[in-house]
Amino acid sequence: MGRNVDNPVFVRARIDEETRDKFKIACMFHKSSMDAVLTELIEEWVAKKYPFVKPSPSVEEAVCEN
């Protein structure tokens, strides 16, 4: 998982209610929290689409390197 497990940040997104409900039920079947699944999906998406992005102390530093 991410590097700041002890200091999570809040990410807000809007999705339709039906999608949220299906996601919540799927997470229950998988016995995972929605937070854990979203973190996994985001990390996989970034690794696949932007493999050059590496964790850094600040977002500005990560963006300026490339």
C-alpha atoms as a PDB file:
ATOM      1  CA  MET A   1       0.000   0.000   0.000  1.00  0.00           C
ATOM      2  CA  GLY A   2       0.993   3.680   0.050  1.00  0.00           C
ATOM      3  CA  ARG A   3       3.911   5.150   1.928  1.00  0.00           C
ATOM      4  CA  ASN A   4       1.861   7.166   4.454  1.00  0.00           C
ATOM      5  CA  VAL A   5      -0.373   4.467   5.908  1.00  0.00           C
ATOM      6  CA  ASP A   6      -0.210   6.149   9.328  1.00  0.00           C
ATOM      7  CA  ASN A   7      -1.178   9.543   7.893  1.00  0.00           C
ATOM      8  CA  PRO A   8      -3.909   9.005   5.278  1.00  0.00           C
ATOM      9  CA  VAL A   9      -5.336  11.927   3.340  1.00  0.00           C
ATOM     10  CA  PHE A  10      -8.888  12.470   2.174  1.00  0.00           C
ATOM     11  CA  VAL A  11      -9.716  12.117  -1.530  1.00  0.00           C
ATOM     12  CA  ARG A  12     -13.172  13.132  -2.677  1.00  0.00           C
ATOM     13  CA  ALA A  13     -14.907  11.932  -5.815  1.00  0.00           C
ATOM     14  CA  ARG A  14     -18.458  11.949  -7.106  1.00  0.00           C
ATOM     15  CA  ILE A  15     -20.015   8.840  -8.630  1.00  0.00           C
ATOM     16  CA  ASP A  16     -23.612   7.857  -9.154  1.00  0.00           C
ATOM     17  CA  GLU A  17     -25.391   6.157  -6.272  1.00  0.00           C
ATOM     18  CA  GLU A  18     -25.905   2.841  -8.090  1.00  0.00           C
ATOM     19  CA  THR A  19     -22.181   2.519  -8.864  1.00  0.00           C
ATOM     20  CA  ARG A  20     -21.319   3.339  -5.249  1.00  0.00           C
ATOM     21  CA  ASP A  21     -23.784   0.735  -3.969  1.00  0.00           C
ATOM     22  CA  LYS A  22     -22.433  -1.982  -6.292  1.00  0.00           C
ATOM     23  CA  PHE A  23     -18.870  -1.104  -5.305  1.00  0.00           C
ATOM     24  CA  LYS A  24     -19.749  -1.229  -1.600  1.00  0.00           C
ATOM     25  CA  ILE A  25     -21.394  -4.655  -1.980  1.00  0.00           C
ATOM     26  CA  ALA A  26     -18.457  -5.981  -4.030  1.00  0.00           C
ATOM     27  CA  CYS A  27     -16.056  -4.822  -1.310  1.00  0.00           C
ATOM     28  CA  MET A  28     -18.154  -6.617   1.317  1.00  0.00           C
ATOM     29  CA  PHE A  29     -18.022  -9.850  -0.725  1.00  0.00           C
ATOM     30  CA  HIS A  30     -14.259  -9.413  -1.077  1.00  0.00           C
ATOM     31  CA  LYS A  31     -14.014  -8.686   2.681  1.00  0.00           C
ATOM     32  CA  SER A  32     -12.075  -5.499   1.960  1.00  0.00           C
ATOM     33  CA  SER A  33     -12.727  -1.908   2.896  1.00  0.00           C
ATOM     34  CA  MET A  34     -13.657   0.538   0.167  1.00  0.00           C
ATOM     35  CA  ASP A  35     -10.562   2.546   1.153  1.00  0.00           C
ATOM     36  CA  ALA A  36      -8.272  -0.446   0.637  1.00  0.00           C
ATOM     37  CA  VAL A  37      -9.756  -1.292  -2.770  1.00  0.00           C
ATOM     38  CA  LEU A  38      -9.662   2.318  -3.971  1.00  0.00           C
ATOM     39  CA  THR A  39      -6.049   2.636  -2.855  1.00  0.00           C
ATOM     40  CA  GLU A  40      -5.135  -0.546  -4.734  1.00  0.00           C
ATOM     41  CA  LEU A  41      -6.976   0.564  -7.881  1.00  0.00           C
ATOM     42  CA  ILE A  42      -5.401   4.037  -7.847  1.00  0.00           C
ATOM     43  CA  GLU A  43      -1.896   2.637  -7.314  1.00  0.00           C
ATOM     44  CA  GLU A  44      -2.364   0.128 -10.155  1.00  0.00           C
ATOM     45  CA  TRP A  45      -3.746   2.816 -12.497  1.00  0.00           C
ATOM     46  CA  VAL A  46      -0.863   5.200 -11.818  1.00  0.00           C
ATOM     47  CA  ALA A  47       1.733   2.418 -12.213  1.00  0.00           C
ATOM     48  CA  LYS A  48       0.206   1.355 -15.530  1.00  0.00           C
ATOM     49  CA  LYS A  49      -0.447   4.785 -17.068  1.00  0.00           C
ATOM     50  CA  TYR A  50       2.444   6.763 -15.560  1.00  0.00           C
ATOM     51  CA  PRO A  51       5.222   4.351 -14.544  1.00  0.00           C
ATOM     52  CA  PHE A  52       7.733   7.225 -14.374  1.00  0.00           C
ATOM     53  CA  VAL A  53       5.877   8.827 -11.437  1.00  0.00           C
ATOM     54  CA  LYS A  54       7.680   7.993  -8.208  1.00  0.00           C
ATOM     55  CA  PRO A  55       6.740   8.984  -4.657  1.00  0.00           C
ATOM     56  CA  SER A  56       8.410  12.170  -3.528  1.00  0.00           C
ATOM     57  CA  PRO A  57       8.115  14.521  -0.557  1.00  0.00           C
ATOM     58  CA  SER A  58       5.842  16.819  -2.538  1.00  0.00           C
ATOM     59  CA  VAL A  59       3.657  16.647  -5.610  1.00  0.00           C
ATOM     60  CA  GLU A  60       5.462  19.652  -7.088  1.00  0.00           C
ATOM     61  CA  GLU A  61       8.796  17.823  -6.994  1.00  0.00           C
ATOM     62  CA  ALA A  62       7.317  14.723  -8.655  1.00  0.00           C
ATOM     63  CA  VAL A  63       5.753  16.780 -11.454  1.00  0.00           C
ATOM     64  CA  CYS A  64       8.808  18.961 -12.063  1.00  0.00           C
ATOM     65  CA  GLU A  65      11.140  15.973 -12.517  1.00  0.00           C
ATOM     66  CA  ASN A  66       9.452  14.971 -15.800  1.00  0.00           C
END
